[in-house]
Protein backbone atom coordinates (compact mmCIF):
# COMPACT_ATOMS: atom_id res chain seq x y z
CA UNK A 1 -0.11 0.12 0.08
CA UNK A 2 1.61 3.37 -0.99
CA UNK A 3 1.62 6.40 1.28
CA UNK A 4 -1.34 8.28 -0.49
CA UNK A 5 -3.55 5.07 -0.41
CA UNK A 6 -2.81 4.85 3.53
CA UNK A 7 -3.44 8.68 3.99
CA UNK A 8 -6.84 8.03 1.55
CA UNK A 9 -7.75 4.87 3.83
CA UNK A 10 -7.22 6.07 7.36
CA UNK A 11 -9.60 9.40 6.41
CA UNK A 12 -12.05 7.22 4.99
CA UNK A 13 -12.31 4.62 8.21
CA UNK A 14 -11.90 7.97 10.98
CA UNK A 15 -15.08 9.52 9.81
CA UNK A 16 -17.35 7.91 12.30
CA UNK A 17 -14.48 8.96 15.09
CA UNK A 18 -14.61 5.34 15.89
CA UNK A 19 -12.16 2.49 16.88
CA UNK A 20 -13.43 -0.01 13.87
CA UNK A 21 -12.14 -3.17 13.23
CA UNK A 22 -10.79 -2.02 9.90
CA UNK A 23 -8.87 0.92 11.67
CA UNK A 24 -6.91 -1.90 13.76
CA UNK A 25 -5.95 -3.80 10.88
CA UNK A 26 -4.61 -0.39 9.47
CA UNK A 27 -2.93 -0.02 12.21
CA UNK A 28 -1.22 -3.83 12.50
CA UNK A 29 -0.63 -3.16 8.60
CA UNK A 30 1.20 0.03 9.39
CA UNK A 31 3.56 -1.24 12.19
CA UNK A 32 4.48 -4.06 10.35
CA UNK A 33 5.35 -2.30 7.33
CA UNK A 34 7.44 0.26 8.94
CA UNK A 35 9.09 -2.63 11.56
CA UNK A 36 9.83 -4.81 8.15
CA UNK A 37 12.04 -1.63 7.01
CA UNK A 38 15.85 -2.26 6.53
CA UNK A 39 17.00 -0.39 9.37
CA UNK A 40 15.55 -2.74 11.82
CA UNK A 41 16.85 -5.87 10.32
CA UNK A 42 19.25 -5.97 12.74
CA UNK A 43 17.12 -6.30 15.92
CA UNK A 44 16.71 -9.71 17.61
CA UNK A 45 13.37 -11.46 16.67
CA UNK A 46 12.00 -11.18 20.74
CA UNK A 47 12.54 -7.22 20.61
CA UNK A 48 10.84 -7.24 17.30
CA UNK A 49 7.79 -8.45 18.12
CA UNK A 50 7.56 -6.59 21.33
CA UNK A 51 8.38 -3.27 19.05
CA UNK A 52 5.62 -4.58 16.97
CA UNK A 53 3.11 -4.93 20.55
CA UNK A 54 4.12 -1.51 21.81
CA UNK A 55 3.99 0.26 18.49
CA UNK A 56 0.43 -1.10 17.92
CA UNK A 57 -0.53 -0.16 21.46
CA UNK A 58 0.74 3.67 21.03
CA UNK A 59 -1.26 3.97 17.63
CA UNK A 60 -4.72 2.74 19.42
CA UNK A 61 -3.60 4.95 22.11
CA UNK A 62 -2.83 8.30 19.78
CA UNK A 63 -4.75 7.83 16.60
CA UNK A 64 -7.74 10.38 18.07
CA UNK A 65 -5.43 12.97 18.45
CA UNK A 66 -4.24 13.29 14.70
CA UNK A 67 -5.34 16.41 13.04
CA UNK A 68 -6.54 16.20 9.51
CA UNK A 69 -6.08 19.86 8.75
CA UNK A 70 -2.05 20.16 10.38
CA UNK A 71 -0.85 17.26 7.85
CA UNK A 72 -1.21 13.52 6.78
CA UNK A 73 -1.72 10.51 8.67
CA UNK A 74 1.02 8.61 6.92
CA UNK A 75 3.93 10.70 8.65
CA UNK A 76 2.45 11.21 11.93
CA UNK A 77 1.74 7.81 12.54
CA UNK A 78 5.17 6.48 11.29
CA UNK A 79 6.60 9.10 13.85
CA UNK A 80 4.61 7.57 16.59
CA UNK A 81 5.64 3.72 15.70
CA UNK A 82 9.66 5.26 15.70
CA UNK A 83 8.99 6.78 19.01
CA UNK A 84 7.38 3.88 20.42
CA UNK A 85 10.08 1.32 18.89
CA UNK A 86 12.95 3.31 20.35
CA UNK A 87 11.95 3.12 23.81
CA UNK A 88 11.25 -0.44 23.44
CA UNK A 89 14.64 -1.28 21.53
CA UNK A 90 16.39 0.96 24.63
CA UNK A 91 14.10 -1.03 27.48
CA UNK A 92 14.73 -4.38 25.87
CA UNK A 93 17.98 -4.28 24.24
CA UNK A 94 20.45 -3.84 27.23
CA UNK A 95 24.19 -4.14 26.15
CA UNK A 96 25.93 -6.61 27.91
CA UNK A 97 28.12 -5.03 30.97
CA UNK A 98 31.89 -5.18 29.73
CA UNK A 99 33.98 -7.28 32.29
CA UNK A 100 36.59 -4.93 33.64
CA UNK A 101 39.94 -5.38 32.99
CA UNK A 102 43.30 -4.97 34.53
CA UNK A 103 45.23 -2.17 33.80
CA UNK A 104 48.96 -2.95 33.84
CA UNK A 105 52.03 -0.68 34.50
CA UNK A 106 53.39 0.32 31.45
CA UNK A 107 57.45 -0.44 32.97
CA UNK A 108 57.22 -3.87 34.86
CA UNK A 109 53.85 -5.18 33.52
CA UNK A 110 52.92 -5.29 36.89
CA UNK A 111 48.97 -4.99 38.11
CA UNK A 112 47.96 -1.49 39.02
CA UNK A 113 45.66 -0.74 42.00
CA UNK A 114 44.05 2.49 42.58
CA UNK A 115 45.07 4.85 44.80
CA UNK A 116 42.90 8.03 46.67
CA UNK A 117 44.01 10.99 45.09
CA UNK A 118 41.17 13.42 46.00
CA UNK A 119 43.24 15.63 48.58
CA UNK A 120 44.18 17.94 46.01
CA UNK A 121 41.44 16.96 43.55
CA UNK A 122 37.91 17.78 45.38
CA UNK A 123 36.13 17.29 41.85
CA UNK A 124 37.33 13.78 41.36
CA UNK A 125 38.93 14.26 37.86
CA UNK A 126 42.03 12.12 38.51
CA UNK A 127 42.07 8.82 39.10
CA UNK A 128 45.81 8.08 39.83
CA UNK A 129 46.93 4.21 39.99
CA UNK A 130 50.02 2.63 41.85
CA UNK A 131 51.96 -0.37 41.27
CA UNK A 132 53.06 -2.15 43.84
CA UNK A 133 56.15 -3.59 41.92
CA UNK A 134 57.97 -0.57 40.78
CA UNK A 135 56.85 1.66 43.08
CA UNK A 136 55.32 4.73 40.77
CA UNK A 137 52.15 6.37 40.37
CA UNK A 138 50.10 6.57 37.09
CA UNK A 139 48.13 9.75 36.65
CA UNK A 140 45.07 9.58 34.41
CA UNK A 141 42.97 11.92 33.72
CA UNK A 142 38.80 11.24 34.14
CA UNK A 143 38.22 13.16 31.42
CA UNK A 144 40.95 11.94 28.51
CA UNK A 145 41.49 8.33 30.22
CA UNK A 146 44.90 8.83 28.57
CA UNK A 147 48.21 8.51 30.42
CA UNK A 148 49.53 12.21 31.57
CA UNK A 149 52.34 11.37 33.72
CA UNK A 150 53.64 9.37 36.58
CA UNK A 151 56.14 10.42 39.28
CA UNK A 152 58.17 8.26 41.76
CA UNK A 153 57.56 8.19 45.56
CA UNK A 154 58.30 6.05 48.29
CA UNK A 155 55.44 4.12 49.42
CA UNK A 156 54.26 5.01 52.63
CA UNK A 157 50.32 5.83 52.06
CA UNK A 158 51.28 9.14 51.51
CA UNK A 159 51.59 11.54 48.37
CA UNK A 160 53.32 14.31 49.59
């Protein structure tokens, strides 16, 4: 069904201001049509089914708010479907949490430990790490997450 045919059929079905079975079929067709677009091919099948269900429910909730004087029905309902799909995808397609990777010292390849350096850094921008093997402190900026500098110190739980 083309966009013009959909617009014409929707306007014909909504003349009585009732939710008819034909109008429900039209919404179901539209949500399936939008979800079969190439941009949604990477979706998991279960998530795609949930997206279809929630998009259909959103169409049933918002169909009466459409004003024919302000525009065509097709883009209005496609925006509703895409918004519903975006919300459903964000809710049910959670990325897997990354496993924490231990950072290694660049000199001796020993494991680094976190060091409390909030004394001179009240905003918490610095995340210094201590290598117990070679007794170096590696400074890492939270914003850049790159190594800035390192400094030697004797390990007595005091940075000064």
